[in-house]
Amino acid sequence: TNSILNFFQENGIKGFPDITCDSVSAYAITLKGHAKSTMRGELSRIR
């Protein structure tokens, strides 16, 4: 959770009301290039 929220905060988001579909997609894009199992796990965690 710390890692995920740090990502949002580094991108100017300091509260849950500011999280949008685009910001969630931006986090998902950072997983590009990882193994499928890693991507599955990371998406499950943010979900």
PDB file of all heavy atoms in Angstrom:
ATOM      1  N   THR A   1       0.835  -1.205   0.000  1.00  0.00           N
ATOM      2  CA  THR A   1       0.000   0.000   0.000  1.00  0.00           C
ATOM      3  C   THR A   1       0.869   1.254   0.000  1.00  0.00           C
ATOM      4  O   THR A   1       0.583   2.229  -0.706  1.00  0.00           O
ATOM      5  CB  THR A   1      -0.932   0.004   1.226  1.00  0.00           C
ATOM      6  OG1 THR A   1      -1.730  -1.180   1.222  1.00  0.00           O
ATOM      7  CG2 THR A   1      -1.845   1.218   1.210  1.00  0.00           C
ATOM      8  N   ASN A   2       1.929   1.237   0.795  1.00  0.00           N
ATOM      9  CA  ASN A   2       2.864   2.363   0.815  1.00  0.00           C
ATOM     10  C   ASN A   2       3.418   2.647  -0.565  1.00  0.00           C
ATOM     11  O   ASN A   2       3.511   3.797  -0.993  1.00  0.00           O
ATOM     12  CB  ASN A   2       4.010   2.064   1.789  1.00  0.00           C
ATOM     13  CG  ASN A   2       3.816   2.732   3.135  1.00  0.00           C
ATOM     14  OD1 ASN A   2       3.739   3.950   3.229  1.00  0.00           O
ATOM     15  ND2 ASN A   2       3.715   1.937   4.176  1.00  0.00           N
ATOM     16  N   SER A   3       3.805   1.592  -1.269  1.00  0.00           N
ATOM     17  CA  SER A   3       4.387   1.753  -2.605  1.00  0.00           C
ATOM     18  C   SER A   3       3.377   2.362  -3.573  1.00  0.00           C
ATOM     19  O   SER A   3       3.704   3.279  -4.341  1.00  0.00           O
ATOM     20  CB  SER A   3       4.856   0.385  -3.112  1.00  0.00           C
ATOM     21  OG  SER A   3       5.357   0.487  -4.433  1.00  0.00           O
ATOM     22  N   ILE A   4       2.149   1.885  -3.537  1.00  0.00           N
ATOM     23  CA  ILE A   4       1.110   2.386  -4.444  1.00  0.00           C
ATOM     24  C   ILE A   4       0.778   3.845  -4.149  1.00  0.00           C
ATOM     25  O   ILE A   4       0.705   4.685  -5.059  1.00  0.00           O
ATOM     26  CB  ILE A   4      -0.155   1.514  -4.337  1.00  0.00           C
ATOM     27  CG1 ILE A   4       0.132   0.106  -4.872  1.00  0.00           C
ATOM     28  CG2 ILE A   4      -1.322   2.144  -5.075  1.00  0.00           C
ATOM     29  CD1 ILE A   4      -0.940  -0.909  -4.553  1.00  0.00           C
ATOM     30  N   LEU A   5       0.587   4.169  -2.864  1.00  0.00           N
ATOM     31  CA  LEU A   5       0.221   5.533  -2.505  1.00  0.00           C
ATOM     32  C   LEU A   5       1.378   6.503  -2.741  1.00  0.00           C
ATOM     33  O   LEU A   5       1.155   7.677  -3.059  1.00  0.00           O
ATOM     34  CB  LEU A   5      -0.234   5.581  -1.042  1.00  0.00           C
ATOM     35  CG  LEU A   5      -1.496   4.754  -0.727  1.00  0.00           C
ATOM     36  CD1 LEU A   5      -1.904   4.938   0.730  1.00  0.00           C
ATOM     37  CD2 LEU A   5      -2.643   5.133  -1.652  1.00  0.00           C
ATOM     38  N   ASN A   6       2.616   6.016  -2.590  1.00  0.00           N
ATOM     39  CA  ASN A   6       3.772   6.856  -2.915  1.00  0.00           C
ATOM     40  C   ASN A   6       3.777   7.219  -4.397  1.00  0.00           C
ATOM     41  O   ASN A   6       4.130   8.338  -4.766  1.00  0.00           O
ATOM     42  CB  ASN A   6       5.073   6.145  -2.550  1.00  0.00           C
ATOM     43  CG  ASN A   6       5.586   6.538  -1.180  1.00  0.00           C
ATOM     44  OD1 ASN A   6       5.815   7.712  -0.912  1.00  0.00           O
ATOM     45  ND2 ASN A   6       5.754   5.567  -0.299  1.00  0.00           N
ATOM     46  N   PHE A   7       3.369   6.259  -5.242  1.00  0.00           N
ATOM     47  CA  PHE A   7       3.308   6.544  -6.680  1.00  0.00           C
ATOM     48  C   PHE A   7       2.304   7.664  -6.948  1.00  0.00           C
ATOM     49  O   PHE A   7       2.588   8.606  -7.688  1.00  0.00           O
ATOM     50  CB  PHE A   7       2.912   5.285  -7.454  1.00  0.00           C
ATOM     51  CG  PHE A   7       2.594   5.562  -8.900  1.00  0.00           C
ATOM     52  CD1 PHE A   7       3.602   5.645  -9.840  1.00  0.00           C
ATOM     53  CD2 PHE A   7       1.278   5.764  -9.325  1.00  0.00           C
ATOM     54  CE1 PHE A   7       3.322   5.911 -11.182  1.00  0.00           C
ATOM     55  CE2 PHE A   7       0.977   6.028 -10.647  1.00  0.00           C
ATOM     56  CZ  PHE A   7       2.007   6.099 -11.580  1.00  0.00           C
ATOM     57  N   PHE A   8       1.127   7.561  -6.353  1.00  0.00           N
ATOM     58  CA  PHE A   8       0.112   8.597  -6.562  1.00  0.00           C
ATOM     59  C   PHE A   8       0.607   9.956  -6.061  1.00  0.00           C
ATOM     60  O   PHE A   8       0.427  10.977  -6.724  1.00  0.00           O
ATOM     61  CB  PHE A   8      -1.184   8.216  -5.844  1.00  0.00           C
ATOM     62  CG  PHE A   8      -1.948   7.102  -6.511  1.00  0.00           C
ATOM     63  CD1 PHE A   8      -2.536   6.097  -5.759  1.00  0.00           C
ATOM     64  CD2 PHE A   8      -2.081   7.059  -7.893  1.00  0.00           C
ATOM     65  CE1 PHE A   8      -3.247   5.078  -6.376  1.00  0.00           C
ATOM     66  CE2 PHE A   8      -2.790   6.044  -8.520  1.00  0.00           C
ATOM     67  CZ  PHE A   8      -3.375   5.043  -7.755  1.00  0.00           C
ATOM     68  N   GLN A   9       1.244   9.949  -4.885  1.00  0.00           N
ATOM     69  CA  GLN A   9       1.693  11.219  -4.308  1.00  0.00           C
ATOM     70  C   GLN A   9       2.793  11.856  -5.153  1.00  0.00           C
ATOM     71  O   GLN A   9       2.828  13.079  -5.317  1.00  0.00           O
ATOM     72  CB  GLN A   9       2.186  10.984  -2.878  1.00  0.00           C
ATOM     73  CG  GLN A   9       2.522  12.279  -2.144  1.00  0.00           C
ATOM     74  CD  GLN A   9       2.591  12.059  -0.640  1.00  0.00           C
ATOM     75  OE1 GLN A   9       1.584  11.953   0.035  1.00  0.00           O
ATOM     76  NE2 GLN A   9       3.803  11.982  -0.110  1.00  0.00           N
ATOM     77  N   GLU A  10       3.683  11.028  -5.701  1.00  0.00           N
ATOM     78  CA  GLU A  10       4.736  11.552  -6.568  1.00  0.00           C
ATOM     79  C   GLU A  10       4.168  12.178  -7.837  1.00  0.00           C
ATOM     80  O   GLU A  10       4.835  12.978  -8.498  1.00  0.00           O
ATOM     81  CB  GLU A  10       5.713  10.429  -6.928  1.00  0.00           C
ATOM     82  CG  GLU A  10       6.597   9.986  -5.758  1.00  0.00           C
ATOM     83  CD  GLU A  10       7.400   8.741  -6.087  1.00  0.00           C
ATOM     84  OE1 GLU A  10       7.228   8.217  -7.218  1.00  0.00           O
ATOM     85  OE2 GLU A  10       8.165   8.300  -5.226  1.00  0.00           O
ATOM     86  N   ASN A  11       2.927  11.789  -8.169  1.00  0.00           N
ATOM     87  CA  ASN A  11       2.271  12.339  -9.356  1.00  0.00           C
ATOM     88  C   ASN A  11       1.235  13.390  -8.987  1.00  0.00           C
ATOM     89  O   ASN A  11       0.286  13.654  -9.740  1.00  0.00           O
ATOM     90  CB  ASN A  11       1.623  11.206 -10.157  1.00  0.00           C
ATOM     91  CG  ASN A  11       2.639  10.373 -10.915  1.00  0.00           C
ATOM     92  OD1 ASN A  11       3.008  10.678 -12.040  1.00  0.00           O
ATOM     93  ND2 ASN A  11       3.119   9.319 -10.271  1.00  0.00           N
ATOM     94  N   GLY A  12       1.416  14.009  -7.806  1.00  0.00           N
ATOM     95  CA  GLY A  12       0.593  15.147  -7.411  1.00  0.00           C
ATOM     96  C   GLY A  12      -0.736  14.815  -6.777  1.00  0.00           C
ATOM     97  O   GLY A  12      -1.572  15.700  -6.594  1.00  0.00           O
ATOM     98  N   ILE A  13      -0.955  13.552  -6.451  1.00  0.00           N
ATOM     99  CA  ILE A  13      -2.228  13.138  -5.836  1.00  0.00           C
ATOM    100  C   ILE A  13      -1.993  12.888  -4.345  1.00  0.00           C
ATOM    101  O   ILE A  13      -1.208  12.026  -3.977  1.00  0.00           O
ATOM    102  CB  ILE A  13      -2.778  11.868  -6.506  1.00  0.00           C
ATOM    103  CG1 ILE A  13      -3.043  12.122  -7.989  1.00  0.00           C
ATOM    104  CG2 ILE A  13      -4.049  11.384  -5.812  1.00  0.00           C
ATOM    105  CD1 ILE A  13      -3.386  10.885  -8.778  1.00  0.00           C
ATOM    106  N   LYS A  14      -2.692  13.621  -3.493  1.00  0.00           N
ATOM    107  CA  LYS A  14      -2.483  13.496  -2.051  1.00  0.00           C
ATOM    108  C   LYS A  14      -3.720  13.013  -1.304  1.00  0.00           C
ATOM    109  O   LYS A  14      -3.737  12.990  -0.079  1.00  0.00           O
ATOM    110  CB  LYS A  14      -2.016  14.836  -1.478  1.00  0.00           C
ATOM    111  CG  LYS A  14      -0.664  15.286  -2.026  1.00  0.00           C
ATOM    112  CD  LYS A  14      -0.165  16.528  -1.332  1.00  0.00           C
ATOM    113  CE  LYS A  14       1.216  16.933  -1.854  1.00  0.00           C
ATOM    114  NZ  LYS A  14       1.729  18.150  -1.167  1.00  0.00           N
ATOM    115  N   GLY A  15      -4.759  12.650  -2.056  1.00  0.00           N
ATOM    116  CA  GLY A  15      -5.976  12.154  -1.426  1.00  0.00           C
ATOM    117  C   GLY A  15      -6.753  11.280  -2.371  1.00  0.00           C
ATOM    118  O   GLY A  15      -6.626  11.375  -3.600  1.00  0.00           O
ATOM    119  N   PHE A  16      -7.583  10.404  -1.841  1.00  0.00           N
ATOM    120  CA  PHE A  16      -8.343   9.468  -2.672  1.00  0.00           C
ATOM    121  C   PHE A  16      -9.315  10.171  -3.633  1.00  0.00           C
ATOM    122  O   PHE A  16      -9.520   9.685  -4.747  1.00  0.00           O
ATOM    123  CB  PHE A  16      -9.085   8.472  -1.775  1.00  0.00           C
ATOM    124  CG  PHE A  16      -8.188   7.420  -1.189  1.00  0.00           C
ATOM    125  CD1 PHE A  16      -7.709   7.546   0.107  1.00  0.00           C
ATOM    126  CD2 PHE A  16      -7.803   6.317  -1.931  1.00  0.00           C
ATOM    127  CE1 PHE A  16      -6.877   6.580   0.652  1.00  0.00           C
ATOM    128  CE2 PHE A  16      -6.966   5.343  -1.401  1.00  0.00           C
ATOM    129  CZ  PHE A  16      -6.501   5.484  -0.102  1.00  0.00           C
ATOM    130  N   PRO A  17      -9.941  11.303  -3.251  1.00  0.00           N
ATOM    131  CA  PRO A  17     -10.858  11.956  -4.198  1.00  0.00           C
ATOM    132  C   PRO A  17     -10.184  12.408  -5.488  1.00  0.00           C
ATOM    133  O   PRO A  17     -10.858  12.619  -6.500  1.00  0.00           O
ATOM    134  CB  PRO A  17     -11.373  13.156  -3.396  1.00  0.00           C
ATOM    135  CG  PRO A  17     -11.253  12.736  -1.968  1.00  0.00           C
ATOM    136  CD  PRO A  17     -10.000  11.933  -1.918  1.00  0.00           C
ATOM    137  N   ASP A  18      -8.846  12.563  -5.455  1.00  0.00           N
ATOM    138  CA  ASP A  18      -8.131  13.020  -6.644  1.00  0.00           C
ATOM    139  C   ASP A  18      -7.730  11.876  -7.569  1.00  0.00           C
ATOM    140  O   ASP A  18      -7.195  12.112  -8.659  1.00  0.00           O
ATOM    141  CB  ASP A  18      -6.872  13.793  -6.231  1.00  0.00           C
ATOM    142  CG  ASP A  18      -7.204  15.039  -5.423  1.00  0.00           C
ATOM    143  OD1 ASP A  18      -8.256  15.630  -5.705  1.00  0.00           O
ATOM    144  OD2 ASP A  18      -6.430  15.398  -4.517  1.00  0.00           O
ATOM    145  N   ILE A  19      -7.943  10.637  -7.140  1.00  0.00           N
ATOM    146  CA  ILE A  19      -7.583   9.489  -7.971  1.00  0.00           C
ATOM    147  C   ILE A  19      -8.627   9.317  -9.068  1.00  0.00           C
ATOM    148  O   ILE A  19      -9.830   9.264  -8.807  1.00  0.00           O
ATOM    149  CB  ILE A  19      -7.485   8.201  -7.125  1.00  0.00           C
ATOM    150  CG1 ILE A  19      -6.371   8.345  -6.082  1.00  0.00           C
ATOM    151  CG2 ILE A  19      -7.201   6.990  -8.019  1.00  0.00           C
ATOM    152  CD1 ILE A  19      -6.255   7.157  -5.154  1.00  0.00           C
ATOM    153  N   THR A  20      -8.151   9.236 -10.301  1.00  0.00           N
ATOM    154  CA  THR A  20      -9.044   9.091 -11.450  1.00  0.00           C
ATOM    155  C   THR A  20      -8.692   7.818 -12.219  1.00  0.00           C
ATOM    156  O   THR A  20      -7.694   7.156 -11.931  1.00  0.00           O
ATOM    157  CB  THR A  20      -8.925  10.293 -12.395  1.00  0.00           C
ATOM    158  OG1 THR A  20      -7.585  10.322 -12.936  1.00  0.00           O
ATOM    159  CG2 THR A  20      -9.204  11.599 -11.644  1.00  0.00           C
ATOM    160  N   CYS A  21      -9.497   7.544 -13.213  1.00  0.00           N
ATOM    161  CA  CYS A  21      -9.221   6.396 -14.074  1.00  0.00           C
ATOM    162  C   CYS A  21      -7.862   6.559 -14.748  1.00  0.00           C
ATOM    163  O   CYS A  21      -7.102   5.593 -14.887  1.00  0.00           O
ATOM    164  CB  CYS A  21     -10.329   6.253 -15.118  1.00  0.00           C
ATOM    165  SG  CYS A  21     -10.121   4.844 -16.237  1.00  0.00           S
ATOM    166  N   ASP A  22      -7.523   7.786 -15.135  1.00  0.00           N
ATOM    167  CA  ASP A  22      -6.241   8.037 -15.809  1.00  0.00           C
ATOM    168  C   ASP A  22      -5.062   7.779 -14.875  1.00  0.00           C
ATOM    169  O   ASP A  22      -4.035   7.243 -15.300  1.00  0.00           O
ATOM    170  CB  ASP A  22      -6.188   9.475 -16.324  1.00  0.00           C
ATOM    171  CG  ASP A  22      -7.111   9.704 -17.509  1.00  0.00           C
ATOM    172  OD1 ASP A  22      -7.489   8.707 -18.154  1.00  0.00           O
ATOM    173  OD2 ASP A  22      -7.448  10.870 -17.787  1.00  0.00           O
ATOM    174  N   SER A  23      -5.198   8.178 -13.606  1.00  0.00           N
ATOM    175  CA  SER A  23      -4.084   7.978 -12.677  1.00  0.00           C
ATOM    176  C   SER A  23      -3.885   6.497 -12.370  1.00  0.00           C
ATOM    177  O   SER A  23      -2.751   6.036 -12.199  1.00  0.00           O
ATOM    178  CB  SER A  23      -4.320   8.766 -11.385  1.00  0.00           C
ATOM    179  OG  SER A  23      -5.586   8.476 -10.821  1.00  0.00           O
ATOM    180  N   VAL A  24      -4.969   5.737 -12.305  1.00  0.00           N
ATOM    181  CA  VAL A  24      -4.852   4.292 -12.102  1.00  0.00           C
ATOM    182  C   VAL A  24      -4.207   3.645 -13.328  1.00  0.00           C
ATOM    183  O   VAL A  24      -3.342   2.769 -13.209  1.00  0.00           O
ATOM    184  CB  VAL A  24      -6.227   3.662 -11.825  1.00  0.00           C
ATOM    185  CG1 VAL A  24      -6.117   2.129 -11.771  1.00  0.00           C
ATOM    186  CG2 VAL A  24      -6.805   4.179 -10.522  1.00  0.00           C
ATOM    187  N   SER A  25      -4.593   4.096 -14.525  1.00  0.00           N
ATOM    188  CA  SER A  25      -4.000   3.575 -15.759  1.00  0.00           C
ATOM    189  C   SER A  25      -2.509   3.905 -15.821  1.00  0.00           C
ATOM    190  O   SER A  25      -1.707   3.096 -16.298  1.00  0.00           O
ATOM    191  CB  SER A  25      -4.715   4.153 -16.976  1.00  0.00           C
ATOM    192  OG  SER A  25      -6.067   3.743 -17.008  1.00  0.00           O
ATOM    193  N   ALA A  26      -2.135   5.104 -15.326  1.00  0.00           N
ATOM    194  CA  ALA A  26      -0.721   5.496 -15.315  1.00  0.00           C
ATOM    195  C   ALA A  26       0.090   4.541 -14.449  1.00  0.00           C
ATOM    196  O   ALA A  26       1.230   4.188 -14.792  1.00  0.00           O
ATOM    197  CB  ALA A  26      -0.585   6.930 -14.808  1.00  0.00           C
ATOM    198  N   TYR A  27      -0.492   4.114 -13.319  1.00  0.00           N
ATOM    199  CA  TYR A  27       0.204   3.142 -12.465  1.00  0.00           C
ATOM    200  C   TYR A  27       0.350   1.807 -13.192  1.00  0.00           C
ATOM    201  O   TYR A  27       1.410   1.182 -13.161  1.00  0.00           O
ATOM    202  CB  TYR A  27      -0.558   2.939 -11.160  1.00  0.00           C
ATOM    203  CG  TYR A  27       0.071   1.905 -10.262  1.00  0.00           C
ATOM    204  CD1 TYR A  27       1.161   2.231  -9.450  1.00  0.00           C
ATOM    205  CD2 TYR A  27      -0.408   0.595 -10.233  1.00  0.00           C
ATOM    206  CE1 TYR A  27       1.752   1.277  -8.634  1.00  0.00           C
ATOM    207  CE2 TYR A  27       0.176  -0.357  -9.426  1.00  0.00           C
ATOM    208  CZ  TYR A  27       1.250  -0.019  -8.629  1.00  0.00           C
ATOM    209  OH  TYR A  27       1.835  -0.974  -7.831  1.00  0.00           O
ATOM    210  N   ALA A  28      -0.717   1.387 -13.880  1.00  0.00           N
ATOM    211  CA  ALA A  28      -0.675   0.114 -14.596  1.00  0.00           C
ATOM    212  C   ALA A  28       0.391   0.131 -15.689  1.00  0.00           C
ATOM    213  O   ALA A  28       1.057  -0.879 -15.938  1.00  0.00           O
ATOM    214  CB  ALA A  28      -2.045  -0.207 -15.185  1.00  0.00           C
ATOM    215  N   ILE A  29       0.571   1.284 -16.336  1.00  0.00           N
ATOM    216  CA  ILE A  29       1.553   1.397 -17.420  1.00  0.00           C
ATOM    217  C   ILE A  29       2.974   1.181 -16.895  1.00  0.00           C
ATOM    218  O   ILE A  29       3.839   0.666 -17.605  1.00  0.00           O
ATOM    219  CB  ILE A  29       1.421   2.765 -18.115  1.00  0.00           C
ATOM    220  CG1 ILE A  29       0.106   2.809 -18.903  1.00  0.00           C
ATOM    221  CG2 ILE A  29       2.606   3.041 -19.034  1.00  0.00           C
ATOM    222  CD1 ILE A  29      -0.208   4.164 -19.510  1.00  0.00           C
ATOM    223  N   THR A  30       3.228   1.533 -15.629  1.00  0.00           N
ATOM    224  CA  THR A  30       4.574   1.344 -15.069  1.00  0.00           C
ATOM    225  C   THR A  30       4.946  -0.127 -14.961  1.00  0.00           C
ATOM    226  O   THR A  30       6.117  -0.462 -14.779  1.00  0.00           O
ATOM    227  CB  THR A  30       4.673   1.980 -13.667  1.00  0.00           C
ATOM    228  OG1 THR A  30       3.790   1.291 -12.758  1.00  0.00           O
ATOM    229  CG2 THR A  30       4.306   3.446 -13.699  1.00  0.00           C
ATOM    230  N   LEU A  31       3.962  -1.011 -15.072  1.00  0.00           N
ATOM    231  CA  LEU A  31       4.215  -2.448 -14.961  1.00  0.00           C
ATOM    232  C   LEU A  31       4.633  -3.068 -16.283  1.00  0.00           C
ATOM    233  O   LEU A  31       4.978  -4.248 -16.334  1.00  0.00           O
ATOM    234  CB  LEU A  31       2.961  -3.166 -14.450  1.00  0.00           C
ATOM    235  CG  LEU A  31       2.369  -2.653 -13.134  1.00  0.00           C
ATOM    236  CD1 LEU A  31       1.096  -3.414 -12.798  1.00  0.00           C
ATOM    237  CD2 LEU A  31       3.377  -2.784 -12.004  1.00  0.00           C
ATOM    238  N   LYS A  32       4.611  -2.264 -17.349  1.00  0.00           N
ATOM    239  CA  LYS A  32       4.963  -2.778 -18.669  1.00  0.00           C
ATOM    240  C   LYS A  32       6.373  -3.362 -18.660  1.00  0.00           C
ATOM    241  O   LYS A  32       7.312  -2.762 -18.142  1.00  0.00           O
ATOM    242  CB  LYS A  32       4.884  -1.655 -19.706  1.00  0.00           C
ATOM    243  CG  LYS A  32       5.177  -2.113 -21.135  1.00  0.00           C
ATOM    244  CD  LYS A  32       5.083  -0.957 -22.119  1.00  0.00           C
ATOM    245  CE  LYS A  32       5.388  -1.416 -23.526  1.00  0.00           C
ATOM    246  NZ  LYS A  32       5.324  -0.296 -24.512  1.00  0.00           N
ATOM    247  N   GLY A  33       6.501  -4.542 -19.235  1.00  0.00           N
ATOM    248  CA  GLY A  33       7.804  -5.196 -19.303  1.00  0.00           C
ATOM    249  C   GLY A  33       8.032  -6.212 -18.205  1.00  0.00           C
ATOM    250  O   GLY A  33       8.959  -7.028 -18.295  1.00  0.00           O
ATOM    251  N   HIS A  34       7.202  -6.199 -17.162  1.00  0.00           N
ATOM    252  CA  HIS A  34       7.342  -7.178 -16.088  1.00  0.00           C
ATOM    253  C   HIS A  34       6.747  -8.523 -16.521  1.00  0.00           C
ATOM    254  O   HIS A  34       5.980  -8.611 -17.479  1.00  0.00           O
ATOM    255  CB  HIS A  34       6.624  -6.695 -14.825  1.00  0.00           C
ATOM    256  CG  HIS A  34       7.327  -5.563 -14.141  1.00  0.00           C
ATOM    257  ND1 HIS A  34       8.400  -5.743 -13.302  1.00  0.00           N
ATOM    258  CD2 HIS A  34       7.111  -4.226 -14.175  1.00  0.00           C
ATOM    259  CE1 HIS A  34       8.809  -4.578 -12.844  1.00  0.00           C
ATOM    260  NE2 HIS A  34       8.039  -3.638 -13.369  1.00  0.00           N
ATOM    261  N   ALA A  35       7.099  -9.556 -15.782  1.00  0.00           N
ATOM    262  CA  ALA A  35       6.540 -10.874 -16.056  1.00  0.00           C
ATOM    263  C   ALA A  35       5.029 -10.855 -15.840  1.00  0.00           C
ATOM    264  O   ALA A  35       4.512 -10.049 -15.064  1.00  0.00           O
ATOM    265  CB  ALA A  35       7.190 -11.919 -15.138  1.00  0.00           C
ATOM    266  N   LYS A  36       4.329 -11.763 -16.513  1.00  0.00           N
ATOM    267  CA  LYS A  36       2.873 -11.804 -16.402  1.00  0.00           C
ATOM    268  C   LYS A  36       2.428 -12.006 -14.958  1.00  0.00           C
ATOM    269  O   LYS A  36       1.464 -11.391 -14.504  1.00  0.00           O
ATOM    270  CB  LYS A  36       2.313 -12.913 -17.290  1.00  0.00           C
ATOM    271  CG  LYS A  36       2.416 -12.632 -18.783  1.00  0.00           C
ATOM    272  CD  LYS A  36       1.783 -13.756 -19.595  1.00  0.00           C
ATOM    273  CE  LYS A  36       1.825 -13.450 -21.093  1.00  0.00           C
ATOM    274  NZ  LYS A  36       1.213 -14.540 -21.888  1.00  0.00           N
ATOM    275  N   SER A  37       3.121 -12.890 -14.257  1.00  0.00           N
ATOM    276  CA  SER A  37       2.736 -13.158 -12.869  1.00  0.00           C
ATOM    277  C   SER A  37       2.916 -11.923 -12.001  1.00  0.00           C
ATOM    278  O   SER A  37       2.111 -11.654 -11.098  1.00  0.00           O
ATOM    279  CB  SER A  37       3.568 -14.320 -12.314  1.00  0.00           C
ATOM    280  OG  SER A  37       4.957 -14.032 -12.399  1.00  0.00           O
ATOM    281  N   THR A  38       3.975 -11.135 -12.286  1.00  0.00           N
ATOM    282  CA  THR A  38       4.204  -9.902 -11.528  1.00  0.00           C
ATOM    283  C   THR A  38       3.101  -8.886 -11.818  1.00  0.00           C
ATOM    284  O   THR A  38       2.570  -8.252 -10.898  1.00  0.00           O
ATOM    285  CB  THR A  38       5.573  -9.301 -11.885  1.00  0.00           C
ATOM    286  OG1 THR A  38       6.600 -10.244 -11.585  1.00  0.00           O
ATOM    287  CG2 THR A  38       5.827  -8.020 -11.094  1.00  0.00           C
ATOM    288  N   MET A  39       2.749  -8.738 -13.079  1.00  0.00           N
ATOM    289  CA  MET A  39       1.687  -7.795 -13.452  1.00  0.00           C
ATOM    290  C   MET A  39       0.366  -8.190 -12.805  1.00  0.00           C
ATOM    291  O   MET A  39      -0.360  -7.347 -12.286  1.00  0.00           O
ATOM    292  CB  MET A  39       1.540  -7.749 -14.970  1.00  0.00           C
ATOM    293  CG  MET A  39       2.729  -7.150 -15.700  1.00  0.00           C
ATOM    294  SD  MET A  39       2.541  -7.213 -17.499  1.00  0.00           S
ATOM    295  CE  MET A  39       1.126  -6.140 -17.729  1.00  0.00           C
ATOM    296  N   ARG A  40       0.081  -9.491 -12.833  1.00  0.00           N
ATOM    297  CA  ARG A  40      -1.170  -9.963 -12.232  1.00  0.00           C
ATOM    298  C   ARG A  40      -1.202  -9.632 -10.743  1.00  0.00           C
ATOM    299  O   ARG A  40      -2.213  -9.163 -10.209  1.00  0.00           O
ATOM    300  CB  ARG A  40      -1.311 -11.465 -12.439  1.00  0.00           C
ATOM    301  CG  ARG A  40      -2.600 -12.049 -11.874  1.00  0.00           C
ATOM    302  CD  ARG A  40      -2.636 -13.556 -12.019  1.00  0.00           C
ATOM    303  NE  ARG A  40      -2.599 -13.953 -13.411  1.00  0.00           N
ATOM    304  CZ  ARG A  40      -1.555 -14.526 -14.010  1.00  0.00           C
ATOM    305  NH1 ARG A  40      -0.445 -14.719 -13.314  1.00  0.00           N
ATOM    306  NH2 ARG A  40      -1.589 -14.871 -15.267  1.00  0.00           N
ATOM    307  N   GLY A  41      -0.080  -9.884 -10.070  1.00  0.00           N
ATOM    308  CA  GLY A  41      -0.015  -9.624  -8.640  1.00  0.00           C
ATOM    309  C   GLY A  41      -0.141  -8.147  -8.309  1.00  0.00           C
ATOM    310  O   GLY A  41      -0.864  -7.774  -7.375  1.00  0.00           O
ATOM    311  N   GLU A  42       0.553  -7.298  -9.065  1.00  0.00           N
ATOM    312  CA  GLU A  42       0.521  -5.862  -8.795  1.00  0.00           C
ATOM    313  C   GLU A  42      -0.872  -5.274  -9.046  1.00  0.00           C
ATOM    314  O   GLU A  42      -1.346  -4.428  -8.283  1.00  0.00           O
ATOM    315  CB  GLU A  42       1.558  -5.141  -9.665  1.00  0.00           C
ATOM    316  CG  GLU A  42       3.002  -5.444  -9.295  1.00  0.00           C
ATOM    317  CD  GLU A  42       3.346  -4.969  -7.904  1.00  0.00           C
ATOM    318  OE1 GLU A  42       2.797  -3.937  -7.465  1.00  0.00           O
ATOM    319  OE2 GLU A  42       4.157  -5.627  -7.233  1.00  0.00           O
ATOM    320  N   LEU A  43      -1.521  -5.714 -10.119  1.00  0.00           N
ATOM    321  CA  LEU A  43      -2.879  -5.226 -10.395  1.00  0.00           C
ATOM    322  C   LEU A  43      -3.852  -5.693  -9.318  1.00  0.00           C
ATOM    323  O   LEU A  43      -4.770  -4.963  -8.935  1.00  0.00           O
ATOM    324  CB  LEU A  43      -3.340  -5.712 -11.768  1.00  0.00           C
ATOM    325  CG  LEU A  43      -2.605  -5.109 -12.978  1.00  0.00           C
ATOM    326  CD1 LEU A  43      -3.108  -5.738 -14.276  1.00  0.00           C
ATOM    327  CD2 LEU A  43      -2.771  -3.598 -13.027  1.00  0.00           C
ATOM    328  N   SER A  44      -3.645  -6.903  -8.825  1.00  0.00           N
ATOM    329  CA  SER A  44      -4.500  -7.410  -7.750  1.00  0.00           C
ATOM    330  C   SER A  44      -4.313  -6.587  -6.482  1.00  0.00           C
ATOM    331  O   SER A  44      -5.274  -6.302  -5.757  1.00  0.00           O
ATOM    332  CB  SER A  44      -4.180  -8.887  -7.488  1.00  0.00           C
ATOM    333  OG  SER A  44      -4.910  -9.376  -6.385  1.00  0.00           O
ATOM    334  N   ARG A  45      -3.066  -6.167  -6.224  1.00  0.00           N
ATOM    335  CA  ARG A  45      -2.786  -5.399  -5.003  1.00  0.00           C
ATOM    336  C   ARG A  45      -3.431  -4.016  -5.049  1.00  0.00           C
ATOM    337  O   ARG A  45      -4.028  -3.576  -4.064  1.00  0.00           O
ATOM    338  CB  ARG A  45      -1.273  -5.288  -4.811  1.00  0.00           C
ATOM    339  CG  ARG A  45      -0.615  -6.627  -4.480  1.00  0.00           C
ATOM    340  CD  ARG A  45       0.882  -6.480  -4.265  1.00  0.00           C
ATOM    341  NE  ARG A  45       1.485  -7.793  -4.098  1.00  0.00           N
ATOM    342  CZ  ARG A  45       2.242  -8.403  -5.016  1.00  0.00           C
ATOM    343  NH1 ARG A  45       2.485  -7.796  -6.161  1.00  0.00           N
ATOM    344  NH2 ARG A  45       2.755  -9.593  -4.792  1.00  0.00           N
ATOM    345  N   ILE A  46      -3.301  -3.331  -6.173  1.00  0.00           N
ATOM    346  CA  ILE A  46      -3.911  -1.996  -6.233  1.00  0.00           C
ATOM    347  C   ILE A  46      -5.432  -2.108  -6.229  1.00  0.00           C
ATOM    348  O   ILE A  46      -6.124  -1.250  -5.663  1.00  0.00           O
ATOM    349  CB  ILE A  46      -3.419  -1.200  -7.479  1.00  0.00           C
ATOM    350  CG1 ILE A  46      -3.939   0.234  -7.399  1.00  0.00           C
ATOM    351  CG2 ILE A  46      -3.838  -1.857  -8.767  1.00  0.00           C
ATOM    352  CD1 ILE A  46      -3.385   1.131  -8.476  1.00  0.00           C
ATOM    353  N   ARG A  47      -5.951  -3.178  -6.804  1.00  0.00           N
ATOM    354  CA  ARG A  47      -7.401  -3.390  -6.761  1.00  0.00           C
ATOM    355  C   ARG A  47      -7.870  -3.575  -5.315  1.00  0.00           C
ATOM    356  O   ARG A  47      -8.906  -3.043  -4.900  1.00  0.00           O
ATOM    357  CB  ARG A  47      -7.750  -4.615  -7.607  1.00  0.00           C
ATOM    358  CG  ARG A  47      -9.243  -4.785  -7.867  1.00  0.00           C
ATOM    359  CD  ARG A  47      -9.507  -5.952  -8.805  1.00  0.00           C
ATOM    360  NE  ARG A  47      -9.040  -5.680 -10.167  1.00  0.00           N
ATOM    361  CZ  ARG A  47      -8.047  -6.309 -10.757  1.00  0.00           C
ATOM    362  NH1 ARG A  47      -7.374  -7.246 -10.098  1.00  0.00           N
ATOM    363  NH2 ARG A  47      -7.688  -6.015 -11.981  1.00  0.00           N
TER     364      ARG A  47
END
